């Protein structure tokens, strides 16, 4: 059975490697990802990316 699930891939955890991945992908600092998570009230990847684009 493969590791992880689609549910895990759709969310961003507070682990440093996850924050760094999203930050590199969006070309921002990891602190910006953390703020987007906090202000958006969601840890869903699509919600965070949408918040950071605006």
N, C-alpha and C. Protein backbone atom coordinates (compact mmCIF):
# COMPACT_ATOMS: atom_id res chain seq x y z
N UNK A 1 0.85 -1.19 0.00
CA UNK A 1 0.00 0.00 0.00
C UNK A 1 0.89 1.25 0.00
N UNK A 2 0.59 2.23 -0.84
CA UNK A 2 1.41 3.44 -0.89
C UNK A 2 1.29 4.26 0.38
N UNK A 3 2.34 4.98 0.66
CA UNK A 3 2.33 5.82 1.85
C UNK A 3 1.50 7.07 1.61
N UNK A 4 0.87 7.57 2.66
CA UNK A 4 0.10 8.79 2.56
C UNK A 4 -1.23 8.58 1.85
N UNK A 5 -1.98 9.63 1.77
CA UNK A 5 -3.25 9.57 1.06
C UNK A 5 -3.50 10.91 0.39
N UNK A 6 -4.51 10.95 -0.45
CA UNK A 6 -4.83 12.20 -1.14
C UNK A 6 -5.21 13.30 -0.15
N UNK A 7 -5.80 12.92 0.96
CA UNK A 7 -6.18 13.90 1.97
C UNK A 7 -4.93 14.62 2.46
N UNK A 8 -3.87 13.89 2.69
CA UNK A 8 -2.63 14.51 3.17
C UNK A 8 -2.00 15.39 2.10
N UNK A 9 -2.11 15.03 0.84
CA UNK A 9 -1.51 15.83 -0.22
C UNK A 9 -2.27 17.13 -0.45
N UNK A 10 -3.52 17.17 -0.03
CA UNK A 10 -4.33 18.37 -0.24
C UNK A 10 -4.19 19.38 0.88
N UNK A 11 -3.47 19.02 1.93
CA UNK A 11 -3.32 19.94 3.05
C UNK A 11 -1.85 20.25 3.29
N UNK A 12 -1.60 21.36 3.98
CA UNK A 12 -0.25 21.78 4.32
C UNK A 12 -0.12 21.72 5.83
N UNK A 13 0.80 20.90 6.31
CA UNK A 13 1.00 20.80 7.75
C UNK A 13 1.96 21.89 8.22
N UNK A 14 2.21 21.95 9.50
CA UNK A 14 3.13 22.94 10.06
C UNK A 14 4.56 22.44 10.06
N UNK A 15 4.82 21.32 9.42
CA UNK A 15 6.18 20.79 9.37
C UNK A 15 7.03 21.68 8.47
N UNK A 16 8.29 21.91 8.88
CA UNK A 16 9.16 22.83 8.12
C UNK A 16 9.29 22.48 6.64
N UNK A 17 9.40 21.20 6.31
CA UNK A 17 9.58 20.85 4.90
C UNK A 17 8.34 21.17 4.07
N UNK A 18 7.16 21.08 4.67
CA UNK A 18 5.93 21.42 3.96
C UNK A 18 5.83 22.93 3.73
N UNK A 19 6.17 23.70 4.77
CA UNK A 19 6.14 25.16 4.66
C UNK A 19 7.16 25.63 3.64
N UNK A 20 8.35 25.05 3.65
CA UNK A 20 9.40 25.44 2.71
C UNK A 20 9.00 25.08 1.27
N UNK A 21 8.37 23.94 1.09
CA UNK A 21 7.93 23.53 -0.24
C UNK A 21 6.94 24.54 -0.81
N UNK A 22 5.93 24.88 -0.03
CA UNK A 22 4.92 25.84 -0.49
C UNK A 22 5.54 27.21 -0.72
N UNK A 23 6.45 27.62 0.15
CA UNK A 23 7.11 28.92 0.01
C UNK A 23 7.92 28.97 -1.28
N UNK A 24 8.68 27.91 -1.57
CA UNK A 24 9.47 27.86 -2.79
C UNK A 24 8.57 27.84 -4.02
N UNK A 25 7.48 27.10 -3.94
CA UNK A 25 6.55 26.98 -5.05
C UNK A 25 5.90 28.32 -5.39
N UNK A 26 5.57 29.10 -4.36
CA UNK A 26 4.90 30.38 -4.56
C UNK A 26 5.89 31.55 -4.59
N UNK A 27 7.17 31.27 -4.40
CA UNK A 27 8.23 32.28 -4.40
C UNK A 27 8.01 33.34 -3.31
N UNK A 28 7.73 32.85 -2.10
CA UNK A 28 7.55 33.72 -0.93
C UNK A 28 8.34 33.13 0.24
N UNK A 29 8.33 33.81 1.36
CA UNK A 29 8.99 33.31 2.56
C UNK A 29 8.06 32.34 3.29
N UNK A 30 8.65 31.38 4.02
CA UNK A 30 7.82 30.44 4.79
C UNK A 30 6.89 31.14 5.77
N UNK A 31 7.31 32.29 6.30
CA UNK A 31 6.45 33.02 7.23
C UNK A 31 5.17 33.50 6.54
N UNK A 32 5.25 33.78 5.24
CA UNK A 32 4.06 34.20 4.49
C UNK A 32 3.07 33.05 4.37
N UNK A 33 3.59 31.84 4.21
CA UNK A 33 2.73 30.66 4.14
C UNK A 33 2.03 30.47 5.49
N UNK A 34 2.78 30.64 6.55
CA UNK A 34 2.22 30.48 7.90
C UNK A 34 1.11 31.50 8.14
N UNK A 35 1.34 32.74 7.73
CA UNK A 35 0.33 33.78 7.89
C UNK A 35 -0.91 33.49 7.05
N UNK A 36 -0.71 32.99 5.84
CA UNK A 36 -1.84 32.64 4.97
C UNK A 36 -2.68 31.54 5.60
N UNK A 37 -2.00 30.57 6.21
CA UNK A 37 -2.73 29.49 6.90
C UNK A 37 -3.54 30.05 8.05
N UNK A 38 -2.91 30.92 8.82
CA UNK A 38 -3.56 31.47 10.00
C UNK A 38 -4.74 32.36 9.63
N UNK A 39 -4.56 33.24 8.65
CA UNK A 39 -5.62 34.18 8.30
C UNK A 39 -6.74 33.51 7.51
N UNK A 40 -6.41 32.47 6.77
CA UNK A 40 -7.42 31.78 5.98
C UNK A 40 -8.26 30.83 6.80
N UNK A 41 -7.75 30.39 7.93
CA UNK A 41 -8.50 29.48 8.78
C UNK A 41 -8.57 28.07 8.22
N UNK A 42 -7.72 27.77 7.25
CA UNK A 42 -7.75 26.46 6.62
C UNK A 42 -6.33 26.02 6.30
N UNK A 43 -6.10 24.72 6.32
CA UNK A 43 -4.78 24.23 5.93
C UNK A 43 -4.83 23.54 4.57
N UNK A 44 -5.91 23.78 3.83
CA UNK A 44 -6.04 23.20 2.50
C UNK A 44 -5.11 23.93 1.53
N UNK A 45 -4.35 23.17 0.77
CA UNK A 45 -3.35 23.71 -0.14
C UNK A 45 -3.95 24.73 -1.11
N UNK A 46 -5.12 24.42 -1.70
CA UNK A 46 -5.72 25.33 -2.68
C UNK A 46 -6.14 26.65 -2.03
N UNK A 47 -6.62 26.61 -0.78
CA UNK A 47 -7.02 27.84 -0.09
C UNK A 47 -5.81 28.71 0.23
N UNK A 48 -4.73 28.08 0.64
CA UNK A 48 -3.52 28.83 0.98
C UNK A 48 -2.93 29.48 -0.27
N UNK A 49 -2.88 28.73 -1.37
CA UNK A 49 -2.33 29.28 -2.62
C UNK A 49 -3.21 30.44 -3.12
N UNK A 50 -4.51 30.31 -3.00
CA UNK A 50 -5.42 31.36 -3.42
C UNK A 50 -5.20 32.62 -2.57
N UNK A 51 -5.05 32.43 -1.28
CA UNK A 51 -4.84 33.56 -0.36
C UNK A 51 -3.52 34.26 -0.68
N UNK A 52 -2.48 33.50 -1.01
CA UNK A 52 -1.17 34.09 -1.27
C UNK A 52 -1.12 34.79 -2.62
N UNK A 53 -1.95 34.40 -3.57
CA UNK A 53 -1.97 35.04 -4.89
C UNK A 53 -2.64 36.41 -4.82
N UNK A 54 -3.56 36.56 -3.90
CA UNK A 54 -4.29 37.84 -3.81
C UNK A 54 -3.58 38.85 -2.93
